[in-house]
């Protein structure tokens, strides 16, 4: 029998969401320069892989993007697979939107109309979607 896990005794100390890309430089620019995430680490030529980890320093979660020297097919999932960033500050959202626009990334219409009410949806260079949601998030 598996013991019940909750926030107080769950043994996970960090979460990484990783995915491949054939456009590592463009994807890194989208998330670092466009969204404003920090590059926490990177590696080159590790058993044929290059990669970068992005997130917010001091937080126990981050994104990793990898690229293999021989390439890897990595089609985007459906238009309703989302990375949602909850941000209560409309000025911060506007600043990110302006940076992304200056880089050639414009809002797209989300598949689920729920995200239209308080969010802006963008597609990264691989077609994965990111929502900037103007709410304090859930708890």
N, C-alpha and C. Protein backbone atom coordinates (compact mmCIF):
# COMPACT_ATOMS: atom_id res chain seq x y z
N UNK A 1 0.84 -1.17 0.00
CA UNK A 1 0.00 0.00 0.00
C UNK A 1 0.89 1.25 0.00
N UNK A 2 0.54 2.22 -0.83
CA UNK A 2 1.30 3.46 -0.93
C UNK A 2 0.83 4.43 0.15
N UNK A 3 1.76 5.02 0.91
CA UNK A 3 1.35 5.96 1.95
C UNK A 3 0.73 7.22 1.34
N UNK A 4 -0.21 7.81 2.04
CA UNK A 4 -0.85 9.03 1.58
C UNK A 4 0.17 10.16 1.56
N UNK A 5 0.19 10.92 0.46
CA UNK A 5 1.13 12.03 0.34
C UNK A 5 0.34 13.34 0.38
N UNK A 6 0.86 14.29 1.09
CA UNK A 6 0.30 15.63 1.06
C UNK A 6 1.46 16.62 1.06
N UNK A 7 1.15 17.89 1.05
CA UNK A 7 2.19 18.90 0.97
C UNK A 7 3.20 18.85 2.10
N UNK A 8 2.85 18.28 3.23
CA UNK A 8 3.75 18.27 4.37
C UNK A 8 4.75 17.12 4.35
N UNK A 9 4.38 15.99 3.76
CA UNK A 9 5.31 14.86 3.80
C UNK A 9 5.63 14.30 2.42
N UNK A 10 5.36 15.05 1.41
CA UNK A 10 5.66 14.60 0.06
C UNK A 10 7.15 14.72 -0.17
N UNK A 11 7.85 13.68 -0.61
CA UNK A 11 9.30 13.70 -0.67
C UNK A 11 9.88 14.45 -1.88
N UNK A 12 9.07 14.96 -2.77
CA UNK A 12 9.58 15.67 -3.95
C UNK A 12 10.09 17.05 -3.52
N UNK A 13 11.32 17.39 -3.93
CA UNK A 13 11.89 18.68 -3.55
C UNK A 13 12.04 19.64 -4.73
N UNK A 14 11.87 19.12 -5.95
CA UNK A 14 11.99 19.97 -7.12
C UNK A 14 11.24 19.34 -8.28
N UNK A 15 10.71 20.18 -9.17
CA UNK A 15 9.98 19.70 -10.34
C UNK A 15 10.61 20.31 -11.58
N UNK A 16 10.90 19.46 -12.57
CA UNK A 16 11.41 19.92 -13.87
C UNK A 16 10.45 19.44 -14.94
N UNK A 17 10.04 20.33 -15.79
CA UNK A 17 9.24 19.97 -16.96
C UNK A 17 10.19 20.08 -18.14
N UNK A 18 10.40 18.95 -18.83
CA UNK A 18 11.39 18.90 -19.90
C UNK A 18 10.73 18.50 -21.21
N UNK A 19 11.24 19.08 -22.30
CA UNK A 19 10.78 18.67 -23.62
C UNK A 19 11.85 18.96 -24.65
N UNK A 20 11.83 18.21 -25.75
CA UNK A 20 12.81 18.42 -26.81
C UNK A 20 12.38 19.56 -27.73
N UNK A 21 13.35 20.08 -28.44
CA UNK A 21 13.10 21.08 -29.47
C UNK A 21 14.20 20.98 -30.52
N UNK A 22 13.88 21.34 -31.73
CA UNK A 22 14.88 21.45 -32.78
C UNK A 22 15.23 22.92 -33.01
N UNK A 23 14.73 23.79 -32.14
CA UNK A 23 14.97 25.23 -32.25
C UNK A 23 15.42 25.79 -30.89
N UNK A 24 16.47 25.21 -30.33
CA UNK A 24 16.88 25.53 -28.97
C UNK A 24 17.15 27.03 -28.78
N UNK A 25 17.83 27.66 -29.71
CA UNK A 25 18.14 29.09 -29.56
C UNK A 25 16.87 29.94 -29.57
N UNK A 26 15.96 29.66 -30.50
CA UNK A 26 14.71 30.45 -30.58
C UNK A 26 13.84 30.21 -29.35
N UNK A 27 13.74 28.96 -28.92
CA UNK A 27 12.93 28.64 -27.75
C UNK A 27 13.53 29.29 -26.50
N UNK A 28 14.85 29.25 -26.38
CA UNK A 28 15.50 29.90 -25.24
C UNK A 28 15.22 31.39 -25.24
N UNK A 29 15.32 32.03 -26.38
CA UNK A 29 15.04 33.47 -26.48
C UNK A 29 13.59 33.77 -26.10
N UNK A 30 12.64 32.95 -26.56
CA UNK A 30 11.23 33.16 -26.25
C UNK A 30 11.01 33.16 -24.74
N UNK A 31 11.54 32.15 -24.06
CA UNK A 31 11.29 32.01 -22.62
C UNK A 31 12.17 32.95 -21.78
N UNK A 32 13.40 33.22 -22.21
CA UNK A 32 14.29 34.09 -21.43
C UNK A 32 14.05 35.56 -21.75
N UNK A 33 14.20 35.95 -22.99
CA UNK A 33 14.05 37.36 -23.35
C UNK A 33 12.58 37.77 -23.40
N UNK A 34 11.73 36.91 -23.95
CA UNK A 34 10.32 37.24 -24.10
C UNK A 34 9.56 37.18 -22.79
N UNK A 35 9.55 36.00 -22.15
CA UNK A 35 8.80 35.84 -20.91
C UNK A 35 9.55 36.36 -19.69
N UNK A 36 10.86 36.42 -19.77
CA UNK A 36 11.64 36.93 -18.65
C UNK A 36 12.12 35.89 -17.66
N UNK A 37 12.05 34.60 -18.03
CA UNK A 37 12.60 33.57 -17.15
C UNK A 37 14.12 33.66 -17.18
N UNK A 38 14.74 33.22 -16.12
CA UNK A 38 16.21 33.26 -16.01
C UNK A 38 16.79 31.92 -16.44
N UNK A 39 17.93 31.98 -17.09
CA UNK A 39 18.65 30.76 -17.42
C UNK A 39 19.34 30.29 -16.15
N UNK A 40 18.91 29.14 -15.65
CA UNK A 40 19.43 28.59 -14.40
C UNK A 40 20.64 27.69 -14.64
N UNK A 41 20.74 27.17 -15.84
CA UNK A 41 21.85 26.28 -16.16
C UNK A 41 21.74 25.86 -17.61
N UNK A 42 22.81 25.32 -18.14
CA UNK A 42 22.79 24.82 -19.52
C UNK A 42 23.91 23.79 -19.66
N UNK A 43 23.86 23.05 -20.75
CA UNK A 43 24.90 22.07 -21.03
C UNK A 43 25.02 21.90 -22.52
N UNK A 44 26.21 21.47 -22.96
CA UNK A 44 26.47 21.24 -24.38
C UNK A 44 27.16 19.90 -24.55
N UNK A 45 26.81 19.23 -25.63
CA UNK A 45 27.47 17.99 -26.04
C UNK A 45 27.49 16.94 -24.93
N UNK A 46 26.39 16.83 -24.20
CA UNK A 46 26.27 15.79 -23.17
C UNK A 46 25.60 14.58 -23.81
N UNK A 47 26.42 13.63 -24.21
CA UNK A 47 25.93 12.42 -24.88
C UNK A 47 25.03 12.76 -26.06
N UNK A 48 25.43 13.80 -26.81
CA UNK A 48 24.70 14.20 -28.00
C UNK A 48 23.63 15.25 -27.77
N UNK A 49 23.46 15.69 -26.54
CA UNK A 49 22.41 16.65 -26.21
C UNK A 49 22.99 18.00 -25.78
N UNK A 50 22.30 19.05 -26.18
CA UNK A 50 22.49 20.39 -25.63
C UNK A 50 21.20 20.72 -24.91
N UNK A 51 21.29 21.55 -23.89
CA UNK A 51 20.07 21.89 -23.18
C UNK A 51 20.20 23.15 -22.35
N UNK A 52 19.06 23.64 -21.93
CA UNK A 52 19.00 24.83 -21.09
C UNK A 52 17.86 24.65 -20.09
N UNK A 53 18.09 25.10 -18.86
CA UNK A 53 17.05 25.10 -17.83
C UNK A 53 16.70 26.56 -17.53
N UNK A 54 15.40 26.85 -17.51
CA UNK A 54 14.93 28.21 -17.26
C UNK A 54 13.90 28.20 -16.16
N UNK A 55 13.90 29.24 -15.37
CA UNK A 55 12.92 29.36 -14.30
C UNK A 55 13.15 30.63 -13.53
N UNK A 56 12.73 30.62 -12.30
CA UNK A 56 12.92 31.74 -11.39
C UNK A 56 13.85 31.27 -10.29
N UNK A 57 14.97 31.96 -10.09
CA UNK A 57 15.92 31.52 -9.07
C UNK A 57 15.25 31.36 -7.71
N UNK A 58 15.58 30.27 -7.03
CA UNK A 58 15.05 30.02 -5.70
C UNK A 58 13.73 29.28 -5.67
N UNK A 59 13.12 29.04 -6.80
CA UNK A 59 11.86 28.32 -6.83
C UNK A 59 12.12 26.86 -7.20
N UNK A 60 11.35 25.94 -6.65
CA UNK A 60 11.63 24.51 -6.85
C UNK A 60 11.04 23.92 -8.13
N UNK A 61 10.91 24.72 -9.16
CA UNK A 61 10.40 24.20 -10.43
C UNK A 61 11.04 25.00 -11.57
N UNK A 62 11.24 24.32 -12.68
CA UNK A 62 11.82 24.98 -13.83
C UNK A 62 11.51 24.20 -15.11
N UNK A 63 11.80 24.81 -16.23
CA UNK A 63 11.62 24.20 -17.53
C UNK A 63 12.98 23.81 -18.09
N UNK A 64 13.01 22.71 -18.82
CA UNK A 64 14.24 22.31 -19.51
C UNK A 64 13.89 22.05 -20.97
N UNK A 65 14.73 22.55 -21.85
CA UNK A 65 14.59 22.30 -23.28
C UNK A 65 15.89 21.66 -23.75
N UNK A 66 15.75 20.58 -24.50
CA UNK A 66 16.92 19.86 -24.99
C UNK A 66 16.86 19.72 -26.50
N UNK A 67 18.02 19.61 -27.09
CA UNK A 67 18.15 19.41 -28.53
C UNK A 67 19.20 18.33 -28.75
N UNK A 68 18.89 17.35 -29.57
CA UNK A 68 19.84 16.26 -29.86
C UNK A 68 20.59 16.57 -31.15
N UNK A 69 21.84 16.17 -31.20
CA UNK A 69 22.68 16.46 -32.37
C UNK A 69 22.10 15.89 -33.67
N UNK A 70 21.30 14.85 -33.60
CA UNK A 70 20.68 14.27 -34.79
C UNK A 70 19.25 14.76 -34.99
N UNK A 71 18.83 15.72 -34.17
CA UNK A 71 17.47 16.22 -34.25
C UNK A 71 16.50 15.25 -33.61
N UNK A 72 15.32 15.72 -33.42
CA UNK A 72 14.28 14.85 -32.87
C UNK A 72 12.93 15.43 -33.25
N UNK A 73 12.09 14.60 -33.83
CA UNK A 73 10.77 15.11 -34.17
C UNK A 73 10.02 15.45 -32.89
N UNK A 74 9.56 16.66 -32.81
CA UNK A 74 8.87 17.07 -31.59
C UNK A 74 7.69 17.97 -31.94
N UNK A 75 6.66 17.40 -32.56
CA UNK A 75 5.51 18.22 -32.89
C UNK A 75 4.81 18.70 -31.62
N UNK A 76 4.23 19.88 -31.72
CA UNK A 76 3.48 20.42 -30.59
C UNK A 76 2.22 19.59 -30.37
N UNK A 77 1.75 19.54 -29.13
CA UNK A 77 0.51 18.82 -28.85
C UNK A 77 -0.69 19.66 -29.31
N UNK A 78 -1.84 19.33 -28.82
CA UNK A 78 -3.04 20.08 -29.20
C UNK A 78 -2.91 21.54 -28.75
N UNK A 79 -3.76 22.37 -29.26
CA UNK A 79 -3.74 23.79 -28.91
C UNK A 79 -4.26 24.04 -27.49
N UNK A 80 -4.70 22.99 -26.82
CA UNK A 80 -5.19 23.15 -25.44
C UNK A 80 -4.21 22.57 -24.42
N UNK A 81 -3.00 22.18 -24.86
CA UNK A 81 -1.93 21.84 -23.91
C UNK A 81 -1.21 23.14 -23.60
N UNK A 82 -1.26 23.57 -22.33
CA UNK A 82 -0.83 24.91 -21.98
C UNK A 82 0.15 24.93 -20.81
N UNK A 83 1.04 25.90 -20.84
CA UNK A 83 1.81 26.30 -19.67
C UNK A 83 1.14 27.59 -19.22
N UNK A 84 0.54 27.59 -18.04
CA UNK A 84 -0.19 28.76 -17.54
C UNK A 84 0.65 29.42 -16.45
N UNK A 85 0.91 30.70 -16.64
CA UNK A 85 1.65 31.50 -15.67
C UNK A 85 0.68 32.49 -15.05
N UNK A 86 0.42 32.34 -13.75
CA UNK A 86 -0.51 33.22 -13.05
C UNK A 86 0.25 34.46 -12.59
N UNK A 87 -0.23 35.62 -13.02
CA UNK A 87 0.45 36.88 -12.73
C UNK A 87 -0.60 37.95 -12.43
N UNK A 88 -0.76 38.34 -11.18
CA UNK A 88 -1.79 39.31 -10.86
C UNK A 88 -1.51 40.73 -11.35
N UNK A 89 -0.28 41.04 -11.70
CA UNK A 89 0.12 42.40 -12.09
C UNK A 89 -0.07 42.62 -13.59
N UNK A 90 -1.06 43.44 -13.95
CA UNK A 90 -1.34 43.70 -15.37
C UNK A 90 -0.17 44.43 -16.04
N UNK A 91 0.57 45.26 -15.30
CA UNK A 91 1.72 45.95 -15.89
C UNK A 91 2.80 44.95 -16.30
N UNK A 92 3.01 43.93 -15.48
CA UNK A 92 4.00 42.90 -15.82
C UNK A 92 3.57 42.14 -17.06
N UNK A 93 2.29 41.83 -17.15
CA UNK A 93 1.77 41.12 -18.32
C UNK A 93 1.93 41.98 -19.57
N UNK A 94 1.61 43.27 -19.45
CA UNK A 94 1.75 44.18 -20.60
C UNK A 94 3.21 44.28 -21.05
N UNK A 95 4.13 44.32 -20.10
CA UNK A 95 5.55 44.39 -20.44
C UNK A 95 5.99 43.14 -21.20
N UNK A 96 5.54 41.97 -20.74
CA UNK A 96 5.88 40.72 -21.42
C UNK A 96 5.26 40.70 -22.81
N UNK A 97 4.01 41.11 -22.91
CA UNK A 97 3.34 41.14 -24.22
C UNK A 97 4.12 42.03 -25.18
N UNK A 98 4.56 43.19 -24.72
CA UNK A 98 5.30 44.11 -25.59
C UNK A 98 6.64 43.52 -26.02
N UNK A 99 7.33 42.85 -25.09
CA UNK A 99 8.60 42.20 -25.45
C UNK A 99 8.38 41.12 -26.50
N UNK A 100 7.34 40.29 -26.28
CA UNK A 100 7.07 39.22 -27.24
C UNK A 100 6.68 39.79 -28.60
N UNK A 101 5.87 40.84 -28.61
CA UNK A 101 5.49 41.48 -29.89
C UNK A 101 6.73 41.98 -30.62
N UNK A 102 7.67 42.59 -29.87
CA UNK A 102 8.88 43.11 -30.51
C UNK A 102 9.74 41.99 -31.09
N UNK A 103 9.54 40.78 -30.59
CA UNK A 103 10.27 39.61 -31.09
C UNK A 103 9.49 38.89 -32.19
N UNK A 104 8.29 39.38 -32.51
CA UNK A 104 7.48 38.77 -33.57
C UNK A 104 6.46 37.76 -33.10
N UNK A 105 6.18 37.71 -31.80
CA UNK A 105 5.20 36.78 -31.25
C UNK A 105 3.96 37.56 -30.82
N UNK A 106 2.83 37.18 -31.36
CA UNK A 106 1.58 37.87 -31.07
C UNK A 106 0.59 36.91 -30.43
N UNK A 107 -0.40 37.45 -29.76
CA UNK A 107 -1.38 36.60 -29.10
C UNK A 107 -2.10 35.73 -30.13
N UNK A 108 -2.52 34.57 -29.67
CA UNK A 108 -3.32 33.65 -30.48
C UNK A 108 -4.61 33.38 -29.71
N UNK A 109 -5.62 32.97 -30.42
CA UNK A 109 -6.90 32.66 -29.78
C UNK A 109 -6.82 31.28 -29.14
N UNK A 110 -7.08 31.20 -27.84
CA UNK A 110 -7.02 29.89 -27.19
C UNK A 110 -8.16 28.99 -27.66
N UNK A 111 -7.92 27.70 -27.63
CA UNK A 111 -8.97 26.75 -28.00
C UNK A 111 -10.11 26.80 -26.99
N UNK A 112 -9.78 26.88 -25.70
CA UNK A 112 -10.78 26.93 -24.64
C UNK A 112 -11.05 28.40 -24.32
N UNK A 113 -12.29 28.87 -24.50
CA UNK A 113 -12.59 30.29 -24.28
C UNK A 113 -12.38 30.76 -22.83
N UNK A 114 -12.24 29.84 -21.89
CA UNK A 114 -11.98 30.21 -20.50
C UNK A 114 -10.77 31.13 -20.39
N UNK A 115 -9.74 30.85 -21.19
CA UNK A 115 -8.47 31.59 -21.09
C UNK A 115 -8.55 32.99 -21.68
N UNK A 116 -9.64 33.30 -22.40
CA UNK A 116 -9.80 34.64 -22.97
C UNK A 116 -10.14 35.70 -21.93
N UNK A 117 -10.86 35.32 -20.88
CA UNK A 117 -11.39 36.29 -19.92
C UNK A 117 -10.30 37.13 -19.27
N UNK A 118 -9.25 36.51 -18.78
CA UNK A 118 -8.20 37.25 -18.07
C UNK A 118 -6.81 36.88 -18.55
N UNK A 119 -6.72 36.22 -19.68
CA UNK A 119 -5.42 35.74 -20.11
C UNK A 119 -5.04 36.15 -21.51
N UNK A 120 -3.74 36.10 -21.77
CA UNK A 120 -3.19 36.27 -23.10
C UNK A 120 -2.45 34.99 -23.45
N UNK A 121 -2.71 34.46 -24.63
CA UNK A 121 -2.10 33.21 -25.05
C UNK A 121 -1.12 33.47 -26.19
N UNK A 122 0.07 32.88 -26.08
CA UNK A 122 1.10 32.99 -27.10
C UNK A 122 1.57 31.59 -27.47
N UNK A 123 2.10 31.46 -28.69
CA UNK A 123 2.74 30.21 -29.11
C UNK A 123 4.24 30.42 -29.16
N UNK A 124 4.98 29.46 -28.59
CA UNK A 124 6.44 29.54 -28.67
C UNK A 124 6.87 29.08 -30.07
N UNK A 125 8.15 29.12 -30.39
CA UNK A 125 8.60 28.75 -31.74
C UNK A 125 8.21 27.35 -32.20
N UNK A 126 7.98 26.43 -31.25
CA UNK A 126 7.58 25.07 -31.60
C UNK A 126 6.07 24.89 -31.64
N UNK A 127 5.30 25.93 -31.34
CA UNK A 127 3.85 25.83 -31.35
C UNK A 127 3.23 25.47 -30.02
N UNK A 128 4.04 25.34 -28.97
CA UNK A 128 3.51 25.09 -27.63
C UNK A 128 2.94 26.40 -27.11
N UNK A 129 1.88 26.32 -26.37
CA UNK A 129 1.19 27.53 -25.92
C UNK A 129 1.46 27.88 -24.47
N UNK A 130 1.56 29.19 -24.24
CA UNK A 130 1.78 29.76 -22.92
C UNK A 130 0.68 30.78 -22.68
N UNK A 131 0.04 30.71 -21.52
CA UNK A 131 -1.00 31.66 -21.14
C UNK A 131 -0.48 32.53 -19.99
N UNK A 132 -0.57 33.82 -20.15
CA UNK A 132 -0.29 34.77 -19.07
C UNK A 132 -1.65 35.12 -18.48
N UNK A 133 -1.92 34.59 -17.31
CA UNK A 133 -3.26 34.71 -16.70
C UNK A 133 -3.22 35.75 -15.59
N UNK A 134 -4.04 36.81 -15.73
CA UNK A 134 -4.03 37.89 -14.76
C UNK A 134 -4.93 37.55 -13.57
N UNK A 135 -4.44 36.67 -12.73
CA UNK A 135 -5.09 36.31 -11.47
C UNK A 135 -4.00 35.92 -10.49
N UNK A 136 -4.31 35.89 -9.19
CA UNK A 136 -3.31 35.46 -8.22
C UNK A 136 -3.08 33.96 -8.21
N UNK A 137 -3.77 33.21 -9.04
CA UNK A 137 -3.58 31.77 -9.11
C UNK A 137 -4.52 31.03 -8.18
N UNK A 138 -4.25 29.78 -8.00
CA UNK A 138 -5.07 28.93 -7.14
C UNK A 138 -4.24 28.50 -5.94
N UNK A 139 -4.89 28.09 -4.92
CA UNK A 139 -4.14 27.59 -3.77
C UNK A 139 -4.83 26.39 -3.17
